[in-house]
Amino acid sequence: MKKYINSGNKDTRSGFGEGLYELGKTNPRVVALCADLTDSLKMGKFIQEHPQRFFQTGIAEANMMGVAAGLASGGAIPFAGTFAVFATGRVYDQVRQSIAYSNKNVKIAASHAGLTLGEDGATHQMLEDIGLMKMLPNMTVVVPCDFNQTKAATIAAAQWEGPVYLRFGRPKVPNFTPEDQVFEIGKAQILTDGSDVTIFAIGHLVWKALEAAETLAREGISAEVINLHTIKPLDTEAILKSVAKTRAVVTAEEHMMNGGMGDSIAQLLSRFNPTPMEIIAVNDTFGESGKPEELLVKYGLDAPHIVESVKKVIARKAL
């Protein structure tokens, strides 16, 4: 089984900041907007180097989305940044009408998503955003797994024509993907080959899936781990090819079970290859204030719960 080395814990929001900074140097069409959260979204380097290409809208997220749509109409590539709860729930009408329906080339940079926002609690722990965004026609949904991949995904988003929802977070997590990677939107990343079960994971739970795979390997269970970083468009070919081989599926995501990645995979498999499946996700409840790792354990989004679900789904496969 292939081993991945953590080069040091880093926050994915800083990966976004570095990607935006690189884009500022190489693509004069890239502009940035923020709703009074520039420090939280690590936009400082871009702003310092390109102050004329930055627009501070204040705590007016709906207005920010409208301005971003207008800038895109003029040929710019705007990155509109705020917390995930504000980037989707607070501004859904503007995103739907002015960006998705109009197919504007706006990149929505959503930080502080999921339970790992931690102590800020349920009001800010956005767990419904993937569902909200993936249901919008024309919208692309990307959830990178670490610092390096978030940087690469940010750069790739600027090259992708059309609206993109880019989801990342606050906590420092293992940084294990290559620094020089080329990120391909819509192309799943096979991290380990396996024959007994496929584990699909996104975001912060990709590393948890790799930890689970190592535990399973010691017990003689071969897990194929796939980083399905693009929820829409879904890499249906990679999903169906892996599942045809393993005939058992576990999905892991820091999102609500309804409307998330697991939901998308379940819909696909129900049509083309019905397969025993377990979904690791938050099950129809809000979060709460607490330390990120403790919350992941409490809500069952950690490596031991993935291991447990793998054993459960393999037992179902044998029936």
Protein backbone atom coordinates (compact mmCIF):
# COMPACT_ATOMS: atom_id res chain seq x y z
CA MET A 1 0.00 0.00 0.00
CA LYS A 2 1.32 3.43 -0.96
CA LYS A 3 2.35 5.57 2.01
CA TYR A 4 1.76 9.32 2.18
CA ILE A 5 3.99 11.58 4.23
CA ASN A 6 2.66 14.60 6.08
CA SER A 7 5.07 17.44 5.28
CA GLY A 8 3.59 19.53 8.10
CA ASN A 9 0.14 20.65 9.16
CA LYS A 10 -1.18 23.68 7.29
CA ASP A 11 -4.59 25.29 6.92
CA THR A 12 -6.30 24.99 3.56
CA ARG A 13 -7.41 28.64 3.67
CA SER A 14 -3.73 29.58 3.45
CA GLY A 15 -3.50 27.40 0.35
CA PHE A 16 -6.23 29.53 -1.16
CA GLY A 17 -4.35 32.70 -0.22
CA GLU A 18 -1.16 31.43 -1.87
CA GLY A 19 -3.04 30.37 -4.98
CA LEU A 20 -4.72 33.76 -5.26
CA TYR A 21 -1.35 35.47 -4.83
CA GLU A 22 0.16 33.38 -7.65
CA LEU A 23 -2.78 34.17 -9.89
CA GLY A 24 -2.32 37.86 -9.18
CA LYS A 25 1.20 37.67 -10.59
CA THR A 26 0.32 35.65 -13.69
CA ASN A 27 -3.23 36.59 -14.69
CA PRO A 28 -4.15 40.30 -14.85
CA ARG A 29 -7.85 39.41 -15.22
CA VAL A 30 -8.01 37.99 -11.70
CA VAL A 31 -9.58 40.30 -9.12
CA ALA A 32 -10.60 39.64 -5.53
CA LEU A 33 -13.53 40.68 -3.37
CA CYS A 34 -14.11 40.09 0.32
CA ALA A 35 -16.82 40.76 2.89
CA ASP A 36 -14.65 42.10 5.71
CA LEU A 37 -12.76 38.82 6.28
CA THR A 38 -9.50 39.32 4.41
CA ASP A 39 -7.31 38.09 7.27
CA SER A 40 -9.42 34.96 7.72
CA LEU A 41 -9.21 34.16 4.02
CA LYS A 42 -5.48 34.95 3.82
CA MET A 43 -5.91 37.51 1.04
CA GLY A 44 -3.26 39.87 2.42
CA LYS A 45 -0.46 39.12 -0.04
CA PHE A 46 -2.74 39.59 -3.05
CA ILE A 47 -4.08 42.86 -1.66
CA GLN A 48 -0.61 44.18 -0.88
CA GLU A 49 0.66 43.46 -4.39
CA HIS A 50 -2.51 44.37 -6.30
CA PRO A 51 -4.54 46.90 -4.29
CA GLN A 52 -6.23 48.20 -7.44
CA ARG A 53 -7.60 44.72 -8.13
CA PHE A 54 -9.18 44.23 -4.71
CA PHE A 55 -12.68 45.31 -3.64
CA GLN A 56 -13.68 45.39 0.03
CA THR A 57 -17.47 45.20 0.14
CA GLY A 58 -17.84 45.13 3.91
CA ILE A 59 -20.40 42.93 5.63
CA ALA A 60 -22.64 42.94 2.57
CA GLU A 61 -22.21 39.48 1.08
CA ALA A 62 -25.24 39.64 -1.21
CA ASN A 63 -23.96 42.88 -2.69
CA MET A 64 -20.51 41.29 -3.09
CA MET A 65 -21.94 38.50 -5.25
CA GLY A 66 -23.74 41.01 -7.44
CA VAL A 67 -20.57 43.07 -7.85
CA ALA A 68 -18.62 39.91 -8.69
CA ALA A 69 -21.16 39.04 -11.38
CA GLY A 70 -20.81 42.53 -12.81
CA LEU A 71 -17.03 42.31 -12.87
CA ALA A 72 -17.26 38.96 -14.64
CA SER A 73 -19.55 40.53 -17.24
CA GLY A 74 -16.76 43.01 -17.91
CA GLY A 75 -14.19 40.29 -18.55
CA ALA A 76 -12.60 39.98 -15.10
CA ILE A 77 -12.19 36.69 -13.19
CA PRO A 78 -13.47 37.59 -9.72
CA PHE A 79 -12.79 35.54 -6.59
CA ALA A 80 -15.43 36.44 -4.00
CA GLY A 81 -14.33 35.30 -0.56
CA THR A 82 -16.12 34.87 2.76
CA PHE A 83 -17.10 32.12 5.22
CA ALA A 84 -19.02 29.19 3.70
CA VAL A 85 -22.13 29.94 5.75
CA PHE A 86 -22.28 33.43 4.23
CA ALA A 87 -21.08 32.40 0.75
CA THR A 88 -24.07 30.09 0.29
CA GLY A 89 -26.90 30.40 2.81
CA ARG A 90 -26.93 34.17 3.17
CA VAL A 91 -26.60 34.90 -0.54
CA TYR A 92 -28.36 32.00 -2.24
CA ASP A 93 -30.69 34.17 -4.28
CA GLN A 94 -27.84 36.29 -5.65
CA VAL A 95 -25.71 33.22 -6.42
CA ARG A 96 -28.62 31.50 -8.13
CA GLN A 97 -29.87 34.44 -10.19
CA SER A 98 -26.82 36.60 -10.87
CA ILE A 99 -24.10 33.92 -11.09
CA ALA A 100 -25.42 30.40 -11.81
CA TYR A 101 -28.46 31.24 -13.95
CA SER A 102 -26.45 33.85 -15.81
CA ASN A 103 -23.46 31.46 -16.05
CA LYS A 104 -21.06 34.16 -14.90
CA ASN A 105 -17.35 33.38 -14.56
CA VAL A 106 -17.32 33.99 -10.78
CA LYS A 107 -15.27 31.95 -8.32
CA ILE A 108 -16.87 31.69 -4.88
CA ALA A 109 -14.11 31.14 -2.30
CA ALA A 110 -15.76 29.66 0.80
CA SER A 111 -13.64 29.26 3.91
CA HIS A 112 -14.41 28.00 7.44
CA ALA A 113 -16.69 25.19 6.21
CA GLY A 114 -17.81 22.17 8.21
CA LEU A 115 -17.50 21.04 11.81
CA THR A 116 -13.79 21.86 11.96
CA LEU A 117 -14.64 25.53 12.26
CA GLY A 118 -14.76 24.36 15.85
CA GLU A 119 -15.47 26.80 18.64
CA ASP A 120 -17.56 29.17 16.49
CA GLY A 121 -20.38 26.65 16.82
CA ALA A 122 -23.44 25.55 14.90
CA THR A 123 -24.42 28.95 13.48
CA HIS A 124 -21.16 29.10 11.50
CA GLN A 125 -20.43 25.40 10.90
CA MET A 126 -21.87 25.20 7.39
CA LEU A 127 -22.82 21.59 6.62
CA GLU A 128 -25.32 22.13 3.82
CA ASP A 129 -23.30 24.15 1.31
CA ILE A 130 -22.23 21.35 -1.06
CA GLY A 131 -25.87 20.37 -1.52
CA LEU A 132 -26.95 23.95 -2.10
CA MET A 133 -24.24 24.56 -4.68
CA LYS A 134 -24.27 21.25 -6.57
CA MET A 135 -27.99 21.59 -7.28
CA LEU A 136 -27.44 24.81 -9.22
CA PRO A 137 -27.11 24.35 -12.99
CA ASN A 138 -23.76 25.62 -14.37
CA MET A 139 -22.09 25.50 -10.92
CA THR A 140 -18.85 23.54 -10.41
CA VAL A 141 -18.12 22.33 -6.86
CA VAL A 142 -14.55 21.68 -5.69
CA VAL A 143 -13.38 20.52 -2.23
CA PRO A 144 -9.56 20.13 -2.05
CA CYS A 145 -7.93 18.13 0.74
CA ASP A 146 -4.82 20.01 1.92
CA PHE A 147 -2.76 23.20 1.58
CA ASN A 148 -0.97 22.19 -1.63
CA GLN A 149 -4.12 20.97 -3.32
CA THR A 150 -6.12 24.05 -2.33
CA LYS A 151 -3.45 26.26 -3.87
CA ALA A 152 -3.50 24.20 -7.07
CA ALA A 153 -7.31 24.11 -7.14
CA THR A 154 -7.48 27.90 -6.80
CA ILE A 155 -5.20 28.29 -9.81
CA ALA A 156 -7.23 25.73 -11.77
CA ALA A 157 -10.50 27.51 -10.92
CA ALA A 158 -9.27 30.65 -12.67
CA GLN A 159 -8.69 28.63 -15.84
CA TRP A 160 -12.12 26.98 -15.69
CA GLU A 161 -14.82 28.83 -17.60
CA GLY A 162 -17.97 29.36 -15.54
CA PRO A 163 -18.96 29.63 -11.87
CA VAL A 164 -16.97 27.62 -9.33
CA TYR A 165 -17.66 26.95 -5.66
CA LEU A 166 -14.32 26.33 -3.91
CA ARG A 167 -14.68 24.99 -0.35
CA PHE A 168 -11.88 24.98 2.25
CA GLY A 169 -11.36 25.41 5.99
CA ARG A 170 -9.68 26.98 9.00
CA PRO A 171 -7.81 24.24 10.94
CA LYS A 172 -4.29 23.08 10.21
CA VAL A 173 -4.43 19.62 8.68
CA PRO A 174 -1.81 17.25 7.19
CA ASN A 175 -0.26 18.55 3.97
CA PHE A 176 0.60 15.47 1.92
CA THR A 177 -0.14 16.02 -1.78
CA PRO A 178 2.67 17.16 -4.13
CA GLU A 179 3.67 20.81 -4.05
CA ASP A 180 4.01 20.89 -7.85
CA GLN A 181 0.74 19.09 -8.64
CA VAL A 182 -1.46 20.07 -11.55
CA PHE A 183 -5.07 20.10 -10.38
CA GLU A 184 -7.61 18.78 -12.86
CA ILE A 185 -11.21 19.76 -12.13
CA GLY A 186 -13.55 16.80 -12.57
CA LYS A 187 -10.81 14.16 -12.38
CA ALA A 188 -10.76 12.00 -9.22
CA GLN A 189 -7.42 11.30 -7.56
CA ILE A 190 -6.72 7.62 -6.79
CA LEU A 191 -4.48 7.66 -3.72
CA THR A 192 -4.22 3.94 -2.98
CA ASP A 193 -5.16 0.88 -5.00
CA GLY A 194 -7.36 -1.69 -3.31
CA SER A 195 -9.58 -4.68 -4.00
CA ASP A 196 -11.96 -5.08 -1.03
CA VAL A 197 -13.61 -1.68 -0.65
CA THR A 198 -13.51 1.81 -2.15
CA ILE A 199 -13.32 4.76 0.25
CA PHE A 200 -14.31 8.04 -1.38
CA ALA A 201 -13.35 11.09 0.69
CA ILE A 202 -13.14 14.86 0.33
CA GLY A 203 -11.57 17.78 2.18
CA HIS A 204 -10.21 17.22 5.67
CA LEU A 205 -11.43 13.62 5.71
CA VAL A 206 -9.10 12.45 2.94
CA TRP A 207 -6.25 12.11 5.42
CA LYS A 208 -8.61 10.31 7.82
CA ALA A 209 -9.43 7.89 5.00
CA LEU A 210 -5.72 7.21 4.43
CA GLU A 211 -5.26 6.57 8.15
CA ALA A 212 -8.20 4.17 8.07
CA ALA A 213 -6.75 2.38 5.03
CA GLU A 214 -3.48 1.79 6.90
CA THR A 215 -5.35 0.30 9.84
CA LEU A 216 -7.39 -1.90 7.51
CA ALA A 217 -4.27 -3.08 5.67
CA ARG A 218 -2.82 -4.36 8.94
CA GLU A 219 -5.99 -6.41 9.32
CA GLY A 220 -5.78 -7.82 5.79
CA ILE A 221 -8.39 -5.56 4.20
CA SER A 222 -7.38 -3.85 0.96
CA ALA A 223 -8.94 -0.38 0.61
CA GLU A 224 -8.87 1.78 -2.47
CA VAL A 225 -8.84 5.43 -1.36
CA ILE A 226 -10.07 8.03 -3.84
CA ASN A 227 -9.96 11.76 -3.27
CA LEU A 228 -13.13 12.85 -5.07
CA HIS A 229 -12.23 16.54 -4.83
CA THR A 230 -14.72 17.58 -7.51
CA ILE A 231 -18.31 16.92 -6.51
CA LYS A 232 -19.60 18.48 -9.71
CA PRO A 233 -18.81 17.52 -12.43
CA LEU A 234 -18.54 14.05 -10.90
CA ASP A 235 -15.89 11.68 -12.26
CA THR A 236 -18.40 8.94 -13.02
CA GLU A 237 -15.90 6.86 -14.96
CA ALA A 238 -13.46 6.62 -12.03
CA ILE A 239 -16.25 5.87 -9.56
CA LEU A 240 -17.85 3.10 -11.60
CA LYS A 241 -14.50 1.53 -12.51
CA SER A 242 -13.38 1.33 -8.88
CA VAL A 243 -16.73 0.07 -7.58
CA ALA A 244 -16.90 -2.62 -10.27
CA LYS A 245 -13.65 -3.95 -8.82
CA THR A 246 -14.28 -3.65 -5.06
CA ARG A 247 -18.10 -4.06 -4.94
CA ALA A 248 -18.29 -2.11 -1.66
CA VAL A 249 -18.30 1.63 -0.95
CA VAL A 250 -17.71 3.94 2.02
CA THR A 251 -17.89 7.72 1.60
CA ALA A 252 -16.46 10.25 4.07
CA GLU A 253 -17.18 13.95 4.14
CA GLU A 254 -17.46 16.89 6.54
CA HIS A 255 -20.96 17.74 5.40
CA MET A 256 -24.57 16.81 5.95
CA MET A 257 -25.45 13.31 4.74
CA ASN A 258 -28.36 14.67 2.72
CA GLY A 259 -27.09 16.46 -0.36
CA GLY A 260 -23.41 15.72 0.02
CA MET A 261 -20.81 13.69 -1.87
CA GLY A 262 -22.21 10.38 -0.64
CA ASP A 263 -25.62 11.38 -1.90
CA SER A 264 -24.18 12.04 -5.38
CA ILE A 265 -22.39 8.68 -5.46
CA ALA A 266 -25.47 6.83 -4.21
CA GLN A 267 -27.55 8.34 -7.02
CA LEU A 268 -24.96 7.27 -9.58
CA LEU A 269 -24.66 3.71 -8.26
CA SER A 270 -28.44 3.27 -7.98
CA ARG A 271 -28.65 3.85 -11.71
CA PHE A 272 -25.64 1.93 -12.99
CA ASN A 273 -24.33 -0.48 -10.33
CA PRO A 274 -26.30 -0.89 -7.07
CA THR A 275 -23.66 -1.60 -4.44
CA PRO A 276 -23.48 -2.00 -0.64
CA MET A 277 -22.62 1.46 0.70
CA GLU A 278 -22.04 3.28 3.97
CA ILE A 279 -21.98 7.10 4.27
CA ILE A 280 -19.78 8.85 6.84
CA ALA A 281 -21.31 12.31 7.29
CA VAL A 282 -23.30 14.41 9.74
CA ASN A 283 -26.75 12.82 10.00
CA ASP A 284 -29.50 15.47 10.00
CA THR A 285 -28.27 17.56 12.91
CA PHE A 286 -26.50 20.85 13.50
CA GLY A 287 -23.03 21.00 14.98
CA GLU A 288 -21.93 22.55 18.26
CA SER A 289 -19.04 24.49 19.75
CA GLY A 290 -15.94 22.43 20.47
CA LYS A 291 -12.41 21.62 19.39
CA PRO A 292 -12.27 20.43 15.76
CA GLU A 293 -10.82 16.98 16.43
CA GLU A 294 -13.22 16.33 19.29
CA LEU A 295 -16.17 17.26 17.08
CA LEU A 296 -15.01 14.93 14.32
CA VAL A 297 -14.90 12.08 16.83
CA LYS A 298 -18.28 12.91 18.36
CA TYR A 299 -20.03 13.08 14.99
CA GLY A 300 -18.30 9.96 13.68
CA LEU A 301 -16.06 11.62 11.09
CA ASP A 302 -12.74 10.08 12.16
CA ALA A 303 -10.56 7.18 11.02
CA PRO A 304 -11.93 4.59 13.51
CA HIS A 305 -15.48 5.25 12.30
CA ILE A 306 -14.34 4.82 8.70
CA VAL A 307 -12.74 1.48 9.66
CA GLU A 308 -15.95 0.41 11.37
CA SER A 309 -18.04 1.36 8.33
CA VAL A 310 -15.70 -0.53 6.00
CA LYS A 311 -16.14 -3.72 8.02
CA LYS A 312 -19.88 -3.21 8.05
CA VAL A 313 -20.12 -2.73 4.29
CA ILE A 314 -17.85 -5.71 3.55
CA ALA A 315 -20.12 -7.86 5.72
CA ARG A 316 -23.09 -6.65 3.65
CA LYS A 317 -21.22 -7.51 0.45
CA ALA A 318 -20.85 -11.10 1.64
CA LEU A 319 -24.61 -11.58 2.11
